[in-house]
């Protein structure tokens, strides 16, 4: 049953990496937002 692909991110449907990608983009966006505010 467990094929080793479900590492906690995936939900068994192959789309778990999209959630990881969205989280990564949000974190990077927040970092850029904070950096641009600090340069003012």
PDB file of N, CA and C in Angstrom:
ATOM      1  N   UNK A   1       0.824  -1.202   0.000  1.00  0.00           N
ATOM      2  CA  UNK A   1       0.000   0.000   0.000  1.00  0.00           C
ATOM      3  C   UNK A   1       0.866   1.264   0.000  1.00  0.00           C
ATOM      4  N   UNK A   2       1.872   1.294   0.856  1.00  0.00           N
ATOM      5  CA  UNK A   2       2.740   2.463   0.899  1.00  0.00           C
ATOM      6  C   UNK A   2       3.861   2.273  -0.116  1.00  0.00           C
ATOM      7  N   UNK A   3       3.904   3.154  -1.116  1.00  0.00           N
ATOM      8  CA  UNK A   3       4.919   3.041  -2.163  1.00  0.00           C
ATOM      9  C   UNK A   3       6.085   3.999  -1.951  1.00  0.00           C
ATOM     10  N   UNK A   4       6.096   4.713  -0.823  1.00  0.00           N
ATOM     11  CA  UNK A   4       7.197   5.602  -0.500  1.00  0.00           C
ATOM     12  C   UNK A   4       7.041   6.997  -1.091  1.00  0.00           C
ATOM     13  N   UNK A   5       5.984   7.244  -1.840  1.00  0.00           N
ATOM     14  CA  UNK A   5       5.779   8.556  -2.444  1.00  0.00           C
ATOM     15  C   UNK A   5       5.073   9.521  -1.496  1.00  0.00           C
ATOM     16  N   UNK A   6       4.379   9.000  -0.514  1.00  0.00           N
ATOM     17  CA  UNK A   6       3.648   9.854   0.424  1.00  0.00           C
ATOM     18  C   UNK A   6       4.578  10.202   1.577  1.00  0.00           C
ATOM     19  N   UNK A   7       5.221  11.390   1.485  1.00  0.00           N
ATOM     20  CA  UNK A   7       6.219  11.792   2.477  1.00  0.00           C
ATOM     21  C   UNK A   7       5.680  12.824   3.457  1.00  0.00           C
ATOM     22  N   UNK A   8       4.360  12.971   3.544  1.00  0.00           N
ATOM     23  CA  UNK A   8       3.782  13.948   4.447  1.00  0.00           C
ATOM     24  C   UNK A   8       3.199  15.134   3.703  1.00  0.00           C
ATOM     25  N   UNK A   9       3.804  15.490   2.549  1.00  0.00           N
ATOM     26  CA  UNK A   9       3.274  16.590   1.737  1.00  0.00           C
ATOM     27  C   UNK A   9       2.124  16.099   0.877  1.00  0.00           C
ATOM     28  N   UNK A  10       2.348  14.935   0.229  1.00  0.00           N
ATOM     29  CA  UNK A  10       1.348  14.407  -0.693  1.00  0.00           C
ATOM     30  C   UNK A  10       0.149  13.837   0.038  1.00  0.00           C
ATOM     31  N   UNK A  11      -0.978  13.818  -0.651  1.00  0.00           N
ATOM     32  CA  UNK A  11      -2.200  13.272  -0.076  1.00  0.00           C
ATOM     33  C   UNK A  11      -2.626  12.019  -0.837  1.00  0.00           C
ATOM     34  N   UNK A  12      -1.693  11.396  -1.516  1.00  0.00           N
ATOM     35  CA  UNK A  12      -1.971  10.160  -2.223  1.00  0.00           C
ATOM     36  C   UNK A  12      -2.573  10.356  -3.598  1.00  0.00           C
ATOM     37  N   UNK A  13      -2.755  11.610  -4.030  1.00  0.00           N
ATOM     38  CA  UNK A  13      -3.361  11.855  -5.331  1.00  0.00           C
ATOM     39  C   UNK A  13      -2.389  12.493  -6.331  1.00  0.00           C
ATOM     40  N   UNK A  14      -1.145  12.673  -5.925  1.00  0.00           N
ATOM     41  CA  UNK A  14      -0.137  13.210  -6.837  1.00  0.00           C
ATOM     42  C   UNK A  14      -0.119  14.728  -6.904  1.00  0.00           C
ATOM     43  N   UNK A  15      -0.999  15.418  -6.169  1.00  0.00           N
ATOM     44  CA  UNK A  15      -1.062  16.871  -6.235  1.00  0.00           C
ATOM     45  C   UNK A  15      -0.474  17.544  -4.998  1.00  0.00           C
ATOM     46  N   UNK A  16       0.120  16.785  -4.103  1.00  0.00           N
ATOM     47  CA  UNK A  16       0.669  17.345  -2.873  1.00  0.00           C
ATOM     48  C   UNK A  16       1.779  18.345  -3.133  1.00  0.00           C
ATOM     49  N   UNK A  17       2.535  18.143  -4.231  1.00  0.00           N
ATOM     50  CA  UNK A  17       3.642  19.062  -4.527  1.00  0.00           C
ATOM     51  C   UNK A  17       3.131  20.459  -4.839  1.00  0.00           C
ATOM     52  N   UNK A  18       1.897  20.583  -5.328  1.00  0.00           N
ATOM     53  CA  UNK A  18       1.334  21.902  -5.625  1.00  0.00           C
ATOM     54  C   UNK A  18       1.175  22.700  -4.331  1.00  0.00           C
ATOM     55  N   UNK A  19       0.746  22.026  -3.269  1.00  0.00           N
ATOM     56  CA  UNK A  19       0.604  22.704  -1.973  1.00  0.00           C
ATOM     57  C   UNK A  19       1.971  23.184  -1.490  1.00  0.00           C
ATOM     58  N   UNK A  20       2.973  22.352  -1.628  1.00  0.00           N
ATOM     59  CA  UNK A  20       4.326  22.743  -1.239  1.00  0.00           C
ATOM     60  C   UNK A  20       4.811  23.939  -2.048  1.00  0.00           C
ATOM     61  N   UNK A  21       4.484  23.942  -3.345  1.00  0.00           N
ATOM     62  CA  UNK A  21       4.893  25.044  -4.211  1.00  0.00           C
ATOM     63  C   UNK A  21       4.193  26.337  -3.815  1.00  0.00           C
ATOM     64  N   UNK A  22       2.905  26.256  -3.511  1.00  0.00           N
ATOM     65  CA  UNK A  22       2.148  27.448  -3.094  1.00  0.00           C
ATOM     66  C   UNK A  22       2.719  28.004  -1.794  1.00  0.00           C
ATOM     67  N   UNK A  23       3.015  27.134  -0.840  1.00  0.00           N
ATOM     68  CA  UNK A  23       3.592  27.574   0.436  1.00  0.00           C
ATOM     69  C   UNK A  23       4.923  28.264   0.194  1.00  0.00           C
ATOM     70  N   UNK A  24       5.742  27.687  -0.693  1.00  0.00           N
ATOM     71  CA  UNK A  24       7.050  28.270  -0.988  1.00  0.00           C
ATOM     72  C   UNK A  24       6.896  29.656  -1.610  1.00  0.00           C
ATOM     73  N   UNK A  25       5.979  29.805  -2.558  1.00  0.00           N
ATOM     74  CA  UNK A  25       5.759  31.095  -3.213  1.00  0.00           C
ATOM     75  C   UNK A  25       5.267  32.140  -2.207  1.00  0.00           C
ATOM     76  N   UNK A  26       4.378  31.747  -1.310  1.00  0.00           N
ATOM     77  CA  UNK A  26       3.856  32.673  -0.304  1.00  0.00           C
ATOM     78  C   UNK A  26       4.983  33.132   0.618  1.00  0.00           C
ATOM     79  N   UNK A  27       5.818  32.204   1.064  1.00  0.00           N
ATOM     80  CA  UNK A  27       6.927  32.559   1.956  1.00  0.00           C
ATOM     81  C   UNK A  27       7.892  33.506   1.254  1.00  0.00           C
ATOM     82  N   UNK A  28       8.239  33.217   0.004  1.00  0.00           N
ATOM     83  CA  UNK A  28       9.153  34.086  -0.746  1.00  0.00           C
ATOM     84  C   UNK A  28       8.522  35.468  -0.933  1.00  0.00           C
ATOM     85  N   UNK A  29       7.225  35.512  -1.212  1.00  0.00           N
ATOM     86  CA  UNK A  29       6.535  36.790  -1.372  1.00  0.00           C
ATOM     87  C   UNK A  29       6.576  37.615  -0.098  1.00  0.00           C
ATOM     88  N   UNK A  30       6.359  36.964   1.037  1.00  0.00           N
ATOM     89  CA  UNK A  30       6.408  37.675   2.313  1.00  0.00           C
ATOM     90  C   UNK A  30       7.808  38.209   2.595  1.00  0.00           C
ATOM     91  N   UNK A  31       8.824  37.432   2.272  1.00  0.00           N
ATOM     92  CA  UNK A  31      10.205  37.882   2.487  1.00  0.00           C
ATOM     93  C   UNK A  31      10.494  39.112   1.640  1.00  0.00           C
ATOM     94  N   UNK A  32      10.111  39.070   0.359  1.00  0.00           N
ATOM     95  CA  UNK A  32      10.337  40.232  -0.505  1.00  0.00           C
ATOM     96  C   UNK A  32       9.573  41.445  -0.014  1.00  0.00           C
ATOM     97  N   UNK A  33       8.364  41.237   0.483  1.00  0.00           N
ATOM     98  CA  UNK A  33       7.556  42.344   0.999  1.00  0.00           C
ATOM     99  C   UNK A  33       8.244  42.986   2.205  1.00  0.00           C
ATOM    100  N   UNK A  34       8.750  42.146   3.108  1.00  0.00           N
ATOM    101  CA  UNK A  34       9.440  42.680   4.291  1.00  0.00           C
ATOM    102  C   UNK A  34      10.720  43.414   3.914  1.00  0.00           C
ATOM    103  N   UNK A  35      11.463  42.868   2.965  1.00  0.00           N
ATOM    104  CA  UNK A  35      12.708  43.497   2.549  1.00  0.00           C
ATOM    105  C   UNK A  35      12.441  44.846   1.888  1.00  0.00           C
ATOM    106  N   UNK A  36      11.405  44.914   1.049  1.00  0.00           N
ATOM    107  CA  UNK A  36      11.107  46.181   0.359  1.00  0.00           C
ATOM    108  C   UNK A  36      10.610  47.236   1.351  1.00  0.00           C
ATOM    109  N   UNK A  37       9.909  46.829   2.407  1.00  0.00           N
ATOM    110  CA  UNK A  37       9.457  47.785   3.415  1.00  0.00           C
ATOM    111  C   UNK A  37      10.642  48.326   4.210  1.00  0.00           C
ATOM    112  N   UNK A  38      11.627  47.485   4.474  1.00  0.00           N
ATOM    113  CA  UNK A  38      12.781  47.902   5.261  1.00  0.00           C
ATOM    114  C   UNK A  38      13.695  48.851   4.493  1.00  0.00           C
ATOM    115  N   UNK A  39      13.626  48.862   3.175  1.00  0.00           N
ATOM    116  CA  UNK A  39      14.491  49.734   2.373  1.00  0.00           C
ATOM    117  C   UNK A  39      13.942  51.143   2.254  1.00  0.00           C
ATOM    118  N   UNK A  40      12.702  51.375   2.672  1.00  0.00           N
ATOM    119  CA  UNK A  40      12.107  52.714   2.548  1.00  0.00           C
ATOM    120  C   UNK A  40      12.750  53.689   3.539  1.00  0.00           C
TER     121      UNK A  40
END
